[in-house]
Amino acid sequence: LDSLAYIYGFDERAAEYYPGIRRFWDKWRREFPNVPMMTTAMMYRDMARAGGDTNRSECLITDWHCPLTPEYNAEFSERLRRDWGMKTWWYVCCSPRHPFANIASYEYPAREGRIWCWQTWAFKADGILYWHVNLWPDKEKLDPSDTFFPGWRTANSLHMPGDGVMLYPGPDDVYPSIRLAAVRDGIEDYERLD
């Protein structure tokens, strides 16, 4: 089961957090040596912006890195894989904006979910991360016999309406969004691209 598990933490944290992340990672590795740790902390960005400098030990303190898509560098990611055995995923959230593909806003074309999966294959990212799919803890259940819900508002992070909502609550079920269906189609495409 360890081969299917990983831990994710320290979301988008900058350099002042690296010593604490290091202490946590060291303890984690002692307790769970076969379960990797992934982060969106800025270590990857810092190393890539420093010309791919992996001599900075404060940045080599997790097993997997996950930068925002505009920060991803295919050549640097390959070096991390080859030289350090790390994986590099990538993610979107309330950014980036166009021309980068993003699934966060329902105002963006649905095809972007599919395009992001194609880009994942083309740039050889090891995986994709999206921060939240059901950000509606206090929302009323949607009535599938109606199409107008004036009281139901989705999250709106940094002008990204729908950010964090890829599923919608129904009375007895959960309903997928068109964006999520596009990601599903993109994943199916990804599996055929190899």
Protein backbone atom coordinates (compact mmCIF):
# COMPACT_ATOMS: atom_id res chain seq x y z
CA LEU A 1 0.00 0.00 0.00
CA ASP A 2 2.96 2.34 0.60
CA SER A 3 3.59 2.42 -3.15
CA LEU A 4 0.23 4.17 -3.68
CA ALA A 5 0.53 6.70 -0.86
CA TYR A 6 2.23 10.06 -0.51
CA ILE A 7 1.91 13.02 1.83
CA TYR A 8 1.31 16.55 0.64
CA GLY A 9 2.00 19.64 2.70
CA PHE A 10 3.46 23.12 3.11
CA ASP A 11 1.37 24.76 0.41
CA GLU A 12 3.18 27.57 -1.43
CA ARG A 13 5.61 28.29 1.41
CA ALA A 14 8.68 30.48 0.86
CA ALA A 15 12.29 30.11 2.04
CA GLU A 16 11.69 31.12 5.66
CA TYR A 17 9.68 27.88 6.06
CA TYR A 18 12.38 25.58 4.63
CA PRO A 19 14.07 24.81 7.98
CA GLY A 20 10.73 23.69 9.47
CA ILE A 21 9.90 21.68 6.37
CA ARG A 22 13.33 20.04 6.65
CA ARG A 23 12.68 19.04 10.28
CA PHE A 24 9.28 17.59 9.36
CA TRP A 25 10.66 15.76 6.32
CA ASP A 26 13.54 14.26 8.33
CA LYS A 27 11.08 12.94 10.93
CA TRP A 28 8.70 11.72 8.22
CA ARG A 29 11.48 9.83 6.45
CA ARG A 30 12.45 8.07 9.70
CA GLU A 31 8.86 7.05 10.45
CA PHE A 32 7.68 6.29 6.90
CA PRO A 33 10.71 5.73 4.65
CA ASN A 34 8.67 4.37 1.73
CA VAL A 35 6.01 7.09 1.60
CA PRO A 36 7.16 10.14 -0.38
CA MET A 37 6.40 13.73 0.54
CA MET A 38 5.32 16.29 -2.07
CA THR A 39 5.06 20.05 -1.72
CA THR A 40 4.13 23.19 -3.60
CA ALA A 41 6.59 25.13 -1.43
CA MET A 42 8.77 27.45 -3.49
CA MET A 43 11.89 25.25 -3.42
CA TYR A 44 11.52 24.17 -7.04
CA ARG A 45 10.97 27.75 -8.17
CA ASP A 46 13.99 28.95 -6.18
CA MET A 47 16.29 26.28 -7.64
CA ALA A 48 15.01 26.76 -11.21
CA ARG A 49 15.38 30.56 -11.03
CA ALA A 50 18.93 30.10 -9.75
CA GLY A 51 19.79 28.38 -13.01
CA GLY A 52 18.90 24.90 -11.82
CA ASP A 53 21.23 25.06 -8.83
CA THR A 54 20.66 21.83 -6.90
CA ASN A 55 23.58 22.53 -4.57
CA ARG A 56 21.19 24.36 -2.28
CA SER A 57 20.51 21.68 0.31
CA GLU A 58 17.67 23.69 1.83
CA CYS A 59 15.75 23.11 -1.40
CA LEU A 60 16.35 19.36 -1.65
CA ILE A 61 14.23 18.44 1.33
CA THR A 62 11.24 16.66 -0.17
CA ASP A 63 10.78 13.71 -2.50
CA TRP A 64 8.53 15.39 -5.05
CA HIS A 65 8.14 19.02 -6.10
CA CYS A 66 5.02 20.59 -7.56
CA PRO A 67 5.44 24.06 -9.10
CA LEU A 68 2.75 26.18 -10.73
CA THR A 69 2.64 25.45 -14.45
CA PRO A 70 4.41 28.71 -15.49
CA GLU A 71 7.33 27.84 -13.17
CA TYR A 72 7.74 24.32 -14.56
CA ASN A 73 10.96 23.68 -16.48
CA ALA A 74 11.11 20.37 -18.35
CA GLU A 75 14.92 20.24 -18.53
CA PHE A 76 15.36 21.06 -14.84
CA SER A 77 12.67 18.54 -13.88
CA GLU A 78 14.49 15.86 -15.83
CA ARG A 79 17.69 16.69 -13.91
CA LEU A 80 15.83 16.32 -10.61
CA ARG A 81 14.56 12.92 -11.73
CA ARG A 82 17.89 11.71 -13.07
CA ASP A 83 20.25 13.11 -10.41
CA TRP A 84 18.10 13.04 -7.30
CA GLY A 85 15.32 10.51 -7.97
CA MET A 86 12.65 13.18 -7.45
CA LYS A 87 9.33 13.51 -9.20
CA THR A 88 7.99 16.81 -10.44
CA TRP A 89 4.26 17.33 -10.71
CA TRP A 90 2.66 20.68 -11.59
CA TYR A 91 -0.48 22.50 -10.59
CA VAL A 92 -2.97 25.26 -11.28
CA CYS A 93 -5.22 27.15 -8.89
CA CYS A 94 -6.38 30.76 -9.00
CA SER A 95 -3.45 31.28 -11.33
CA PRO A 96 -1.97 31.18 -13.90
CA ARG A 97 -3.97 33.18 -16.37
CA HIS A 98 -3.95 32.84 -20.13
CA PRO A 99 -2.06 31.79 -22.18
CA PHE A 100 -1.49 28.96 -19.69
CA ALA A 101 -4.15 26.26 -19.52
CA ASN A 102 -6.15 26.40 -16.29
CA ILE A 103 -9.18 24.48 -15.04
CA ALA A 104 -9.95 26.69 -12.03
CA SER A 105 -12.47 29.10 -13.56
CA TYR A 106 -15.72 28.05 -15.16
CA GLU A 107 -15.30 31.15 -17.33
CA TYR A 108 -12.33 29.53 -19.09
CA PRO A 109 -12.99 27.22 -22.04
CA ALA A 110 -13.71 23.65 -20.93
CA ARG A 111 -11.11 22.31 -23.38
CA GLU A 112 -8.38 23.61 -21.06
CA GLY A 113 -8.72 20.55 -18.83
CA ARG A 114 -8.00 18.38 -21.79
CA ILE A 115 -5.17 20.61 -23.01
CA TRP A 116 -3.53 20.59 -19.58
CA CYS A 117 -3.34 16.79 -19.69
CA TRP A 118 -1.79 16.93 -23.18
CA GLN A 119 0.75 19.47 -21.87
CA THR A 120 1.47 17.15 -18.93
CA TRP A 121 2.42 14.45 -21.42
CA ALA A 122 4.37 16.80 -23.73
CA PHE A 123 6.41 18.39 -20.91
CA LYS A 124 6.82 15.08 -19.05
CA ALA A 125 5.39 16.27 -15.74
CA ASP A 126 4.94 13.33 -13.38
CA GLY A 127 1.44 14.32 -12.28
CA ILE A 128 -1.12 17.08 -11.89
CA LEU A 129 -2.43 18.64 -8.70
CA TYR A 130 -5.60 20.63 -8.21
CA TRP A 131 -6.17 22.01 -4.74
CA HIS A 132 -9.89 21.39 -4.14
CA VAL A 133 -12.87 19.86 -5.95
CA ASN A 134 -15.77 20.35 -3.51
CA LEU A 135 -15.46 23.75 -1.88
CA TRP A 136 -19.11 23.98 -0.83
CA PRO A 137 -19.41 22.91 2.81
CA ASP A 138 -22.36 25.19 3.59
CA LYS A 139 -24.18 25.17 0.25
CA GLU A 140 -27.67 23.91 -0.36
CA LYS A 141 -28.07 20.72 -2.35
CA LEU A 142 -28.81 21.30 -6.03
CA ASP A 143 -32.15 20.14 -7.38
CA PRO A 144 -31.51 18.24 -10.63
CA SER A 145 -35.03 19.07 -11.88
CA ASP A 146 -34.20 22.81 -11.93
CA THR A 147 -31.50 24.82 -13.70
CA PHE A 148 -31.65 28.11 -11.81
CA PHE A 149 -30.10 28.48 -8.37
CA PRO A 150 -29.98 32.19 -7.48
CA GLY A 151 -28.74 31.58 -3.93
CA TRP A 152 -25.90 29.26 -4.88
CA ARG A 153 -22.58 31.05 -5.31
CA THR A 154 -19.32 29.33 -6.07
CA ALA A 155 -15.98 30.34 -4.63
CA ASN A 156 -14.25 33.22 -6.35
CA SER A 157 -10.53 33.22 -5.58
CA LEU A 158 -8.64 36.11 -7.15
CA HIS A 159 -11.28 36.61 -9.82
CA MET A 160 -11.48 32.92 -10.71
CA PRO A 161 -15.17 32.06 -10.32
CA GLY A 162 -15.58 28.38 -9.63
CA ASP A 163 -12.08 27.90 -8.22
CA GLY A 164 -12.15 24.87 -5.93
CA VAL A 165 -15.49 23.58 -7.25
CA MET A 166 -15.29 20.75 -9.78
CA LEU A 167 -18.15 18.77 -8.22
CA TYR A 168 -21.60 19.96 -7.16
CA PRO A 169 -23.77 18.60 -4.32
CA GLY A 170 -27.07 16.97 -5.24
CA PRO A 171 -29.73 15.60 -2.90
CA ASP A 172 -28.46 12.01 -3.14
CA ASP A 173 -25.36 12.26 -5.27
CA VAL A 174 -22.52 14.48 -6.42
CA TYR A 175 -22.54 15.95 -9.93
CA PRO A 176 -19.37 16.47 -11.97
CA SER A 177 -18.69 19.76 -13.72
CA ILE A 178 -18.00 20.09 -17.42
CA ARG A 179 -14.44 21.07 -16.47
CA LEU A 180 -13.97 17.81 -14.58
CA ALA A 181 -15.31 15.86 -17.56
CA ALA A 182 -12.73 17.63 -19.75
CA VAL A 183 -9.94 16.61 -17.34
CA ARG A 184 -11.24 13.03 -17.43
CA ASP A 185 -11.12 13.12 -21.24
CA GLY A 186 -7.61 14.58 -21.07
CA ILE A 187 -6.46 11.77 -18.78
CA GLU A 188 -7.87 9.24 -21.23
CA ASP A 189 -5.99 11.03 -24.05
CA TYR A 190 -2.81 11.01 -21.93
CA GLU A 191 -3.05 7.24 -21.56
CA ARG A 192 -3.23 6.88 -25.35
CA LEU A 193 -0.36 9.29 -26.09
CA ASP A 194 2.32 6.87 -24.89
